[in-house]
Protein backbone atom coordinates (compact mmCIF):
# COMPACT_ATOMS: atom_id res chain seq x y z
CA UNK A 1 -56.21 -18.24 -18.57
CA UNK A 2 -54.56 -17.43 -15.07
CA UNK A 3 -50.92 -18.84 -14.32
CA UNK A 4 -50.55 -20.82 -11.14
CA UNK A 5 -49.49 -18.70 -8.21
CA UNK A 6 -45.67 -19.73 -7.15
CA UNK A 7 -45.25 -18.18 -3.97
CA UNK A 8 -47.48 -20.28 -1.07
CA UNK A 9 -50.10 -18.09 0.79
CA UNK A 10 -51.71 -20.41 3.34
CA UNK A 11 -49.45 -22.54 4.64
CA UNK A 12 -46.09 -21.41 4.24
CA UNK A 13 -43.19 -22.43 2.74
CA UNK A 14 -41.99 -25.83 3.38
CA UNK A 15 -38.35 -26.14 3.67
CA UNK A 16 -38.36 -29.85 3.71
CA UNK A 17 -38.66 -29.04 0.14
CA UNK A 18 -35.00 -26.77 -0.18
CA UNK A 19 -33.38 -30.45 -0.56
CA UNK A 20 -35.44 -31.29 -2.73
CA UNK A 21 -35.19 -28.04 -4.92
CA UNK A 22 -31.19 -28.57 -5.26
CA UNK A 23 -31.75 -32.08 -6.52
CA UNK A 24 -33.42 -30.61 -9.13
CA UNK A 25 -31.36 -27.61 -10.08
CA UNK A 26 -28.44 -29.97 -10.41
CA UNK A 27 -30.69 -32.59 -12.56
CA UNK A 28 -30.09 -35.52 -9.87
CA UNK A 29 -32.58 -38.48 -9.27
CA UNK A 30 -35.22 -37.90 -6.14
CA UNK A 31 -35.24 -40.98 -3.93
CA UNK A 32 -38.91 -42.80 -2.59
CA UNK A 33 -38.61 -40.51 0.69
CA UNK A 34 -38.16 -37.10 -1.62
CA UNK A 35 -41.61 -38.35 -3.62
CA UNK A 36 -42.99 -38.88 -0.28
CA UNK A 37 -42.46 -35.30 0.96
CA UNK A 38 -43.57 -34.15 -2.72
CA UNK A 39 -47.18 -36.07 -1.60
CA UNK A 40 -47.15 -35.26 1.86
CA UNK A 41 -45.88 -31.33 1.63
CA UNK A 42 -49.32 -29.49 2.36
CA UNK A 43 -47.14 -26.82 0.38
CA UNK A 44 -48.42 -27.34 -3.26
CA UNK A 45 -47.20 -23.82 -4.76
CA UNK A 46 -43.75 -25.37 -4.38
CA UNK A 47 -44.36 -28.71 -5.86
CA UNK A 48 -46.16 -27.47 -8.64
CA UNK A 49 -43.29 -24.62 -9.66
CA UNK A 50 -40.55 -27.13 -9.47
CA UNK A 51 -42.41 -29.49 -11.80
CA UNK A 52 -43.11 -26.13 -14.07
CA UNK A 53 -39.04 -25.28 -13.36
CA UNK A 54 -37.81 -29.51 -14.86
CA UNK A 55 -40.74 -29.40 -18.16
CA UNK A 56 -39.20 -25.73 -19.30
CA UNK A 57 -35.66 -26.87 -18.60
CA UNK A 58 -36.58 -29.89 -21.18
CA UNK A 59 -39.04 -28.43 -23.45
CA UNK A 60 -39.12 -24.48 -23.18
CA UNK A 61 -41.94 -23.13 -24.57
CA UNK A 62 -43.62 -25.52 -26.39
CA UNK A 63 -46.24 -27.57 -26.09
CA UNK A 64 -46.68 -30.72 -28.19
CA UNK A 65 -49.99 -31.87 -29.69
CA UNK A 66 -50.65 -34.66 -32.65
CA UNK A 67 -53.70 -35.06 -35.11
CA UNK A 68 -54.85 -38.91 -34.44
CA UNK A 69 -58.02 -40.80 -34.84
CA UNK A 70 -58.92 -43.71 -32.06
CA UNK A 71 -60.14 -47.26 -33.17
CA UNK A 72 -61.32 -49.75 -30.52
CA UNK A 73 -61.44 -52.49 -32.58
CA UNK A 74 -63.60 -54.62 -30.37
CA UNK A 75 -65.45 -54.60 -26.67
CA UNK A 76 -65.27 -58.06 -26.17
CA UNK A 77 -63.32 -59.23 -23.31
CA UNK A 78 -62.12 -62.69 -21.19
CA UNK A 79 -61.43 -60.29 -18.65
CA UNK A 80 -63.71 -58.21 -15.84
CA UNK A 81 -61.88 -55.96 -14.34
CA UNK A 82 -63.75 -53.75 -11.71
CA UNK A 83 -62.71 -50.32 -12.71
CA UNK A 84 -63.86 -50.87 -16.40
CA UNK A 85 -66.79 -49.86 -17.95
CA UNK A 86 -65.84 -50.51 -21.34
CA UNK A 87 -65.64 -54.33 -21.61
CA UNK A 88 -68.96 -56.62 -23.05
CA UNK A 89 -69.29 -60.14 -23.37
CA UNK A 90 -69.83 -61.68 -27.48
CA UNK A 91 -73.26 -62.10 -25.97
CA UNK A 92 -73.79 -58.78 -24.02
CA UNK A 93 -76.07 -55.70 -25.36
CA UNK A 94 -73.53 -54.07 -27.20
CA UNK A 95 -70.98 -55.88 -27.72
CA UNK A 96 -69.20 -55.15 -31.27
CA UNK A 97 -66.30 -56.49 -33.02
CA UNK A 98 -65.31 -54.55 -36.17
CA UNK A 99 -64.71 -56.12 -39.70
CA UNK A 100 -62.18 -54.85 -41.94
CA UNK A 101 -64.28 -53.10 -43.90
CA UNK A 102 -64.60 -50.37 -40.84
CA UNK A 103 -61.45 -50.51 -40.05
CA UNK A 104 -60.17 -49.42 -44.20
CA UNK A 105 -63.19 -46.90 -43.33
CA UNK A 106 -60.91 -45.24 -40.40
CA UNK A 107 -58.31 -45.20 -41.97
CA UNK A 108 -59.76 -43.20 -44.87
CA UNK A 109 -61.30 -41.03 -42.53
CA UNK A 110 -58.07 -40.45 -40.71
CA UNK A 111 -56.00 -40.05 -43.86
CA UNK A 112 -58.79 -37.45 -44.69
CA UNK A 113 -58.48 -35.93 -41.33
CA UNK A 114 -55.24 -35.18 -42.13
CA UNK A 115 -54.30 -37.69 -38.89
CA UNK A 116 -50.43 -38.77 -38.24
CA UNK A 117 -51.18 -41.39 -35.60
CA UNK A 118 -54.10 -44.18 -36.02
CA UNK A 119 -54.27 -45.56 -31.98
CA UNK A 120 -55.57 -49.19 -32.35
CA UNK A 121 -56.65 -50.38 -28.70
CA UNK A 122 -59.37 -53.36 -27.60
CA UNK A 123 -60.98 -55.71 -25.49
CA UNK A 124 -58.91 -59.81 -25.28
CA UNK A 125 -61.46 -61.24 -27.29
CA UNK A 126 -61.35 -65.09 -27.12
CA UNK A 127 -63.15 -65.50 -30.47
CA UNK A 128 -60.07 -63.50 -32.75
CA UNK A 129 -57.73 -64.87 -34.78
CA UNK A 130 -54.33 -64.31 -34.32
CA UNK A 131 -54.30 -63.28 -37.98
CA UNK A 132 -57.19 -60.98 -37.16
CA UNK A 133 -54.73 -58.34 -36.00
CA UNK A 134 -51.83 -58.24 -38.20
CA UNK A 135 -54.80 -57.70 -41.08
CA UNK A 136 -56.22 -55.24 -38.83
CA UNK A 137 -52.42 -52.99 -38.84
CA UNK A 138 -51.74 -54.52 -42.32
CA UNK A 139 -55.03 -52.83 -43.52
CA UNK A 140 -54.59 -49.71 -42.03
CA UNK A 141 -51.22 -48.66 -43.39
CA UNK A 142 -52.53 -50.01 -46.86
CA UNK A 143 -55.11 -48.08 -47.13
CA UNK A 144 -53.42 -45.47 -45.90
CA UNK A 145 -50.56 -45.81 -48.16
CA UNK A 146 -53.16 -45.97 -51.17
CA UNK A 147 -54.12 -42.23 -50.43
CA UNK A 148 -50.62 -41.01 -50.23
CA UNK A 149 -50.47 -40.92 -46.09
CA UNK A 150 -47.43 -42.44 -44.06
CA UNK A 151 -50.47 -43.10 -41.12
CA UNK A 152 -48.16 -44.28 -38.10
CA UNK A 153 -49.94 -47.07 -36.46
CA UNK A 154 -49.76 -47.36 -32.59
CA UNK A 155 -52.09 -49.86 -30.77
CA UNK A 156 -52.07 -52.76 -28.52
CA UNK A 157 -51.09 -52.46 -25.09
CA UNK A 158 -48.81 -55.36 -23.17
CA UNK A 159 -51.79 -57.18 -21.79
CA UNK A 160 -53.29 -57.75 -25.34
CA UNK A 161 -49.40 -58.55 -27.20
CA UNK A 162 -49.72 -61.01 -23.89
CA UNK A 163 -53.45 -62.43 -25.06
CA UNK A 164 -51.95 -62.28 -28.81
CA UNK A 165 -49.26 -64.72 -27.94
CA UNK A 166 -51.38 -67.18 -26.04
CA UNK A 167 -53.78 -67.08 -29.06
CA UNK A 168 -51.67 -67.59 -31.47
CA UNK A 169 -49.95 -70.79 -29.84
CA UNK A 170 -46.48 -69.58 -28.88
CA UNK A 171 -46.82 -68.87 -24.96
CA UNK A 172 -46.17 -72.70 -24.16
CA UNK A 173 -43.25 -72.28 -21.08
CA UNK A 174 -44.20 -69.16 -20.39
CA UNK A 175 -45.68 -69.72 -17.29
CA UNK A 176 -42.91 -72.13 -15.80
CA UNK A 177 -41.15 -70.25 -12.76
CA UNK A 178 -37.63 -68.36 -12.77
CA UNK A 179 -35.43 -67.79 -15.70
CA UNK A 180 -36.87 -70.48 -17.76
CA UNK A 181 -40.03 -69.27 -18.35
CA UNK A 182 -39.65 -65.69 -18.84
CA UNK A 183 -37.07 -66.84 -21.19
CA UNK A 184 -40.06 -68.62 -22.72
CA UNK A 185 -41.97 -65.28 -22.32
CA UNK A 186 -39.79 -63.20 -24.05
CA UNK A 187 -39.71 -65.09 -26.84
CA UNK A 188 -43.18 -65.55 -27.08
CA UNK A 189 -43.66 -61.98 -27.14
CA UNK A 190 -40.81 -61.39 -29.50
CA UNK A 191 -42.87 -63.80 -32.40
CA UNK A 192 -45.62 -61.74 -31.60
CA UNK A 193 -43.96 -57.68 -31.62
CA UNK A 194 -42.45 -58.87 -34.53
CA UNK A 195 -45.20 -60.57 -37.02
CA UNK A 196 -46.96 -56.61 -35.54
CA UNK A 197 -43.55 -55.53 -36.96
CA UNK A 198 -44.08 -56.38 -39.86
CA UNK A 199 -47.31 -55.38 -41.09
CA UNK A 200 -46.80 -52.60 -39.96
CA UNK A 201 -46.46 -51.49 -36.34
CA UNK A 202 -45.14 -48.55 -35.43
CA UNK A 203 -45.05 -48.21 -31.50
CA UNK A 204 -46.78 -49.53 -28.54
CA UNK A 205 -49.35 -46.91 -26.73
CA UNK A 206 -49.45 -47.11 -22.53
CA UNK A 207 -52.06 -48.58 -21.35
CA UNK A 208 -52.77 -51.98 -19.28
CA UNK A 209 -49.77 -50.54 -16.45
CA UNK A 210 -52.61 -49.71 -14.41
CA UNK A 211 -50.75 -49.71 -11.03
CA UNK A 212 -47.70 -52.27 -9.95
CA UNK A 213 -49.14 -53.37 -6.91
CA UNK A 214 -49.76 -56.84 -6.12
CA UNK A 215 -52.85 -56.17 -3.57
CA UNK A 216 -53.81 -53.91 -5.87
CA UNK A 217 -53.79 -56.01 -8.97
CA UNK A 218 -55.62 -59.04 -7.28
CA UNK A 219 -58.16 -57.02 -5.96
CA UNK A 220 -59.08 -54.25 -9.23
CA UNK A 221 -57.55 -56.23 -12.05
CA UNK A 222 -57.36 -59.67 -11.00
CA UNK A 223 -56.58 -61.90 -14.50
CA UNK A 224 -54.62 -59.53 -15.90
CA UNK A 225 -50.47 -59.28 -16.81
CA UNK A 226 -48.46 -58.74 -13.77
CA UNK A 227 -46.29 -55.72 -13.79
CA UNK A 228 -43.02 -58.09 -14.62
CA UNK A 229 -44.83 -59.09 -17.53
CA UNK A 230 -46.11 -55.88 -18.42
CA UNK A 231 -42.22 -54.10 -18.04
CA UNK A 232 -41.13 -57.09 -20.05
CA UNK A 233 -43.45 -56.67 -23.08
CA UNK A 234 -42.13 -53.04 -23.57
CA UNK A 235 -38.30 -54.06 -22.73
CA UNK A 236 -39.49 -56.76 -26.27
CA UNK A 237 -40.76 -53.85 -27.75
CA UNK A 238 -37.60 -51.59 -27.28
CA UNK A 239 -34.91 -54.32 -28.18
CA UNK A 240 -37.21 -54.60 -31.27
CA UNK A 241 -36.35 -50.77 -32.22
CA UNK A 242 -40.15 -50.16 -31.29
CA UNK A 243 -40.84 -46.82 -29.32
CA UNK A 244 -43.19 -47.30 -25.79
CA UNK A 245 -45.33 -45.27 -23.87
CA UNK A 246 -46.11 -45.82 -20.24
CA UNK A 247 -49.13 -44.95 -17.94
CA UNK A 248 -50.75 -45.18 -14.51
CA UNK A 249 -54.16 -45.16 -13.41
CA UNK A 250 -54.72 -43.55 -9.91
CA UNK A 251 -57.06 -42.88 -7.47
CA UNK A 252 -59.31 -45.78 -7.28
CA UNK A 253 -57.54 -48.60 -3.96
CA UNK A 254 -53.97 -47.92 -4.17
CA UNK A 255 -52.68 -45.29 -2.03
CA UNK A 256 -49.64 -42.99 -2.56
CA UNK A 257 -46.95 -45.12 -2.48
CA UNK A 258 -47.99 -47.28 -4.44
CA UNK A 259 -48.09 -44.32 -7.20
CA UNK A 260 -44.10 -43.79 -6.50
CA UNK A 261 -43.10 -47.32 -6.50
CA UNK A 262 -44.72 -47.49 -9.78
CA UNK A 263 -42.76 -44.34 -11.40
CA UNK A 264 -39.45 -45.75 -9.52
CA UNK A 265 -40.35 -49.06 -11.66
CA UNK A 266 -41.02 -47.12 -14.56
CA UNK A 267 -37.85 -45.29 -13.61
CA UNK A 268 -34.94 -47.85 -13.57
CA UNK A 269 -37.11 -49.59 -16.78
CA UNK A 270 -36.01 -46.17 -18.81
CA UNK A 271 -32.71 -46.54 -17.30
CA UNK A 272 -32.16 -49.92 -19.40
CA UNK A 273 -33.73 -48.48 -22.85
CA UNK A 274 -31.51 -45.15 -22.10
CA UNK A 275 -28.47 -47.41 -21.41
CA UNK A 276 -29.05 -49.67 -25.03
CA UNK A 277 -30.29 -46.35 -27.22
CA UNK A 278 -26.09 -44.99 -26.53
CA UNK A 279 -26.92 -42.87 -23.11
CA UNK A 280 -23.87 -43.76 -20.46
CA UNK A 281 -25.31 -42.39 -17.19
CA UNK A 282 -23.42 -41.56 -13.69
CA UNK A 283 -22.72 -43.87 -10.99
CA UNK A 284 -25.64 -44.48 -8.72
CA UNK A 285 -25.68 -43.58 -5.31
CA UNK A 286 -28.88 -45.41 -5.16
CA UNK A 287 -32.05 -47.08 -7.56
CA UNK A 288 -35.09 -49.09 -6.89
CA UNK A 289 -34.57 -52.60 -7.24
CA UNK A 290 -37.60 -55.00 -8.07
CA UNK A 291 -37.09 -59.07 -6.88
CA UNK A 292 -38.84 -62.03 -8.49
CA UNK A 293 -41.07 -63.16 -5.20
CA UNK A 294 -41.18 -67.16 -4.87
CA UNK A 295 -44.51 -66.34 -6.99
CA UNK A 296 -42.78 -65.33 -9.73
CA UNK A 297 -43.65 -61.38 -10.00
CA UNK A 298 -41.71 -58.67 -9.42
CA UNK A 299 -42.39 -56.23 -6.07
CA UNK A 300 -40.18 -53.48 -4.71
CA UNK A 301 -37.18 -53.92 -2.14
CA UNK A 302 -35.68 -50.85 -1.00
CA UNK A 303 -32.50 -49.49 -2.40
CA UNK A 304 -29.80 -50.10 -3.65
CA UNK A 305 -26.65 -49.25 -6.32
CA UNK A 306 -27.68 -52.19 -8.66
CA UNK A 307 -27.54 -50.29 -11.95
CA UNK A 308 -26.31 -46.77 -13.33
CA UNK A 309 -28.67 -43.68 -13.55
CA UNK A 310 -29.48 -42.23 -16.40
CA UNK A 311 -31.49 -38.53 -16.20
CA UNK A 312 -32.28 -36.38 -18.66
CA UNK A 313 -33.28 -33.23 -16.65
CA UNK A 314 -29.60 -32.54 -16.10
CA UNK A 315 -29.28 -28.71 -17.98
CA UNK A 316 -28.02 -29.61 -21.30
CA UNK A 317 -29.06 -33.16 -22.05
CA UNK A 318 -30.77 -33.81 -25.04
CA UNK A 319 -34.01 -35.78 -25.37
CA UNK A 320 -33.67 -39.42 -27.01
CA UNK A 321 -35.91 -38.36 -30.04
CA UNK A 322 -32.86 -36.38 -30.80
CA UNK A 323 -30.36 -38.62 -31.04
CA UNK A 324 -32.08 -41.58 -32.61
CA UNK A 325 -33.25 -40.11 -36.09
CA UNK A 326 -30.27 -39.76 -37.55
CA UNK A 327 -32.45 -37.96 -40.84
CA UNK A 328 -35.82 -36.36 -40.12
CA UNK A 329 -36.80 -37.16 -44.07
CA UNK A 330 -36.12 -40.62 -44.15
CA UNK A 331 -37.75 -41.21 -40.05
CA UNK A 332 -34.11 -43.69 -40.11
CA UNK A 333 -32.73 -44.59 -36.73
CA UNK A 334 -28.83 -43.09 -36.45
CA UNK A 335 -26.20 -45.20 -36.04
CA UNK A 336 -26.58 -47.31 -32.90
CA UNK A 337 -29.86 -45.71 -31.96
CA UNK A 338 -32.15 -48.58 -33.12
CA UNK A 339 -33.12 -49.36 -30.17
CA UNK A 340 -36.80 -48.23 -28.16
CA UNK A 341 -37.44 -46.53 -25.45
CA UNK A 342 -40.47 -44.84 -23.05
CA UNK A 343 -41.55 -41.52 -24.67
CA UNK A 344 -43.87 -40.34 -22.01
CA UNK A 345 -45.60 -40.60 -18.92
CA UNK A 346 -49.77 -40.77 -19.15
CA UNK A 347 -51.09 -40.37 -15.72
CA UNK A 348 -54.73 -40.79 -16.24
CA UNK A 349 -57.58 -40.27 -13.10
CA UNK A 350 -60.08 -42.67 -12.84
CA UNK A 351 -63.37 -42.32 -13.21
CA UNK A 352 -65.47 -44.56 -10.88
CA UNK A 353 -68.93 -44.02 -12.72
CA UNK A 354 -70.45 -47.43 -14.22
CA UNK A 355 -67.81 -49.83 -13.09
CA UNK A 356 -67.74 -51.97 -10.11
CA UNK A 357 -66.22 -49.19 -7.94
CA UNK A 358 -67.74 -46.68 -8.38
CA UNK A 359 -68.61 -46.31 -5.08
CA UNK A 360 -65.33 -44.38 -4.86
CA UNK A 361 -65.41 -40.99 -5.21
CA UNK A 362 -62.29 -40.96 -7.54
CA UNK A 363 -59.69 -38.46 -7.44
CA UNK A 364 -60.16 -34.47 -6.82
CA UNK A 365 -58.57 -31.77 -9.16
CA UNK A 366 -55.63 -30.84 -6.78
CA UNK A 367 -54.75 -34.57 -6.34
CA UNK A 368 -55.04 -34.76 -10.12
CA UNK A 369 -52.23 -31.50 -10.74
CA UNK A 370 -50.46 -33.24 -7.78
CA UNK A 371 -49.77 -36.51 -9.39
CA UNK A 372 -48.71 -35.03 -12.69
CA UNK A 373 -45.87 -32.71 -10.71
CA UNK A 374 -44.55 -35.84 -8.88
CA UNK A 375 -44.36 -37.43 -12.09
CA UNK A 376 -42.16 -34.62 -14.05
CA UNK A 377 -40.28 -34.73 -10.64
CA UNK A 378 -40.00 -38.67 -10.34
CA UNK A 379 -39.56 -39.77 -13.90
CA UNK A 380 -36.65 -37.79 -14.95
CA UNK A 381 -35.57 -39.74 -17.51
CA UNK A 382 -38.68 -39.94 -19.51
CA UNK A 383 -38.56 -37.13 -22.13
CA UNK A 384 -42.33 -36.31 -22.09
CA UNK A 385 -45.28 -35.83 -19.42
CA UNK A 386 -48.96 -36.42 -21.67
CA UNK A 387 -51.87 -33.76 -20.06
CA UNK A 388 -54.65 -35.77 -21.49
CA UNK A 389 -57.08 -34.56 -22.00
CA UNK A 390 -60.00 -36.59 -22.67
CA UNK A 391 -59.93 -38.26 -18.93
CA UNK A 392 -58.14 -34.72 -17.32
CA UNK A 393 -60.51 -32.15 -19.11
CA UNK A 394 -58.97 -29.47 -21.39
CA UNK A 395 -59.44 -27.06 -18.76
CA UNK A 396 -57.33 -29.13 -16.41
CA UNK A 397 -54.59 -30.22 -19.14
CA UNK A 398 -54.07 -26.21 -19.26
CA UNK A 399 -53.16 -25.88 -16.09
CA UNK A 400 -50.97 -28.84 -16.39
CA UNK A 401 -48.90 -27.64 -18.90
CA UNK A 402 -47.76 -24.87 -16.25
CA UNK A 403 -47.06 -28.11 -13.60
CA UNK A 404 -45.04 -30.38 -15.29
CA UNK A 405 -46.64 -31.42 -18.12
CA UNK A 406 -45.47 -30.78 -22.38
CA UNK A 407 -47.99 -32.45 -24.48
CA UNK A 408 -51.81 -32.64 -24.41
CA UNK A 409 -52.25 -35.37 -27.14
CA UNK A 410 -54.23 -35.05 -30.73
CA UNK A 411 -57.33 -34.40 -31.41
CA UNK A 412 -58.42 -38.01 -30.98
CA UNK A 413 -62.67 -39.06 -32.09
CA UNK A 414 -64.41 -42.22 -30.80
CA UNK A 415 -62.05 -42.63 -27.17
CA UNK A 416 -64.45 -45.02 -26.23
CA UNK A 417 -62.59 -46.34 -23.18
CA UNK A 418 -64.05 -44.55 -20.82
CA UNK A 419 -67.11 -42.92 -20.66
CA UNK A 420 -66.14 -39.16 -19.46
CA UNK A 421 -69.10 -37.01 -21.79
CA UNK A 422 -72.13 -39.33 -22.23
CA UNK A 423 -73.24 -38.32 -26.20
CA UNK A 424 -74.51 -39.29 -28.85
CA UNK A 425 -72.03 -41.79 -31.36
CA UNK A 426 -71.38 -45.44 -32.53
CA UNK A 427 -69.28 -47.63 -30.31
CA UNK A 428 -71.00 -49.53 -28.11
CA UNK A 429 -74.31 -48.73 -28.07
CA UNK A 430 -75.11 -47.29 -25.34
CA UNK A 431 -72.96 -44.30 -23.72
CA UNK A 432 -70.32 -44.28 -26.37
CA UNK A 433 -68.12 -40.85 -26.83
CA UNK A 434 -67.76 -38.91 -29.58
CA UNK A 435 -64.95 -37.07 -27.89
CA UNK A 436 -62.96 -34.64 -30.64
CA UNK A 437 -61.25 -31.35 -30.31
CA UNK A 438 -59.91 -29.38 -33.87
CA UNK A 439 -56.57 -28.85 -34.17
CA UNK A 440 -57.49 -24.59 -33.89
CA UNK A 441 -59.44 -25.32 -30.05
CA UNK A 442 -55.77 -27.33 -29.03
CA UNK A 443 -53.91 -24.31 -30.32
CA UNK A 444 -55.79 -21.88 -28.56
CA UNK A 445 -56.23 -23.99 -25.28
CA UNK A 446 -51.95 -23.99 -25.10
CA UNK A 447 -51.42 -20.07 -26.02
CA UNK A 448 -53.91 -19.49 -23.15
CA UNK A 449 -51.55 -21.39 -21.25
CA UNK A 450 -48.58 -19.52 -22.14
CA UNK A 451 -46.89 -21.51 -24.90
CA UNK A 452 -46.39 -22.28 -28.25
CA UNK A 453 -47.90 -25.16 -29.67
CA UNK A 454 -46.12 -27.20 -31.76
CA UNK A 455 -47.64 -30.48 -33.86
CA UNK A 456 -45.66 -33.50 -33.88
CA UNK A 457 -46.34 -37.08 -34.57
CA UNK A 458 -45.77 -40.15 -32.90
CA UNK A 459 -42.33 -40.27 -32.66
CA UNK A 460 -42.73 -36.62 -31.14
CA UNK A 461 -40.72 -34.86 -34.57
CA UNK A 462 -42.36 -31.98 -35.50
CA UNK A 463 -44.72 -32.15 -38.74
CA UNK A 464 -44.88 -29.94 -41.05
CA UNK A 465 -48.14 -28.89 -43.66
CA UNK A 466 -48.31 -28.58 -46.99
CA UNK A 467 -49.72 -24.38 -47.24
CA UNK A 468 -52.04 -26.03 -50.42
CA UNK A 469 -53.52 -28.94 -48.88
CA UNK A 470 -53.50 -29.12 -45.06
CA UNK A 471 -54.35 -32.80 -44.96
CA UNK A 472 -51.02 -33.29 -46.36
CA UNK A 473 -48.41 -33.69 -44.06
CA UNK A 474 -44.02 -34.19 -43.72
CA UNK A 475 -41.80 -34.89 -40.30
């Protein structure tokens, strides 16, 4: 695979980027204005080169993948988000809800394939009781253990967690204004996450974030939880010792500034998570400040020095996964490291086909590459940036490895949320997708991009395979 050229040719080097380059060299935090310049400059080569510098500082030549399987338990959803092609109504053709026999069989298939992770999300099905979800997690874990596997369950977006709190009838008082409502909301979320964790939940995916902007929210996915609630779910998960991830769906009706504010709000939340983990940070010169409006929602207010800045991009700073586990054999958190944190940012390009926004063009390949590079530079306290090959395509994901990404995700089976390749298979019954690559293909793609393939588990611990039986693994 051809390496990206690092010297600008036609447009020439943008000397305005020199000050940003100096910050990157020192591992200093970039400002909103810096992010706007990274998006606006015609000198894309330098932007990509800076992102690659940060990526190699954090991970060297390692590029991560995992063996995983996706389980979409239901596509029945109470919402009707304009960008979504996945959801169905209960009586609509193609609607489905999986029973526990199906779930158990999927867990068995995952173990037989040597998977280390089951990733499960679905629609906000108003007809399922709360017990369905704890049973789903317990069934996956029980079947895996029966077969001798410690399969990790990564399940339920923040949107689903709030839905579960509502159907469990513990969300009372959560919509009250001010701190009273927030306290009630966090307690409801804590109850749900504790029940799921007791059933075997290991971590949360990053879906449902979309873009943290009220205007975009009201036009594209009205009825979904807003940014303050999404961040509360992840904060409570971190306090319970669960690691989480974050996404950003871009290329629809948002603008570039909306994306940058989304990144800054995530960065602020990660500062708090890493502080709980034991990082001390440095005295800030500025930081993003989110302010609760009269309507009770959070929004971007400006720059202030109200919190410590914790970056991972300063040379020599340890990554959180190197601190969080005292023993790779037991996987137990080290003393003082029981708090969770955001592991990775996953920028997701919008695919308009089949949605109510299909009149939009969606982002270009260059916009995808730039957005991922900007995310790597702005999110200085996120240890990982994922080029999700399902939505970026494997060739683009290879290019992204050279420009900020360090993770391709995994082998993936039956990713039914986004129909990128319309092929035969199970799922909704219309155009469900069996999107899967084998380990050899992922390793080959990583090597072609110039990196060393490293198999990881969900928590970014290196995986060792039994040489006699590749389905058996340890960390």
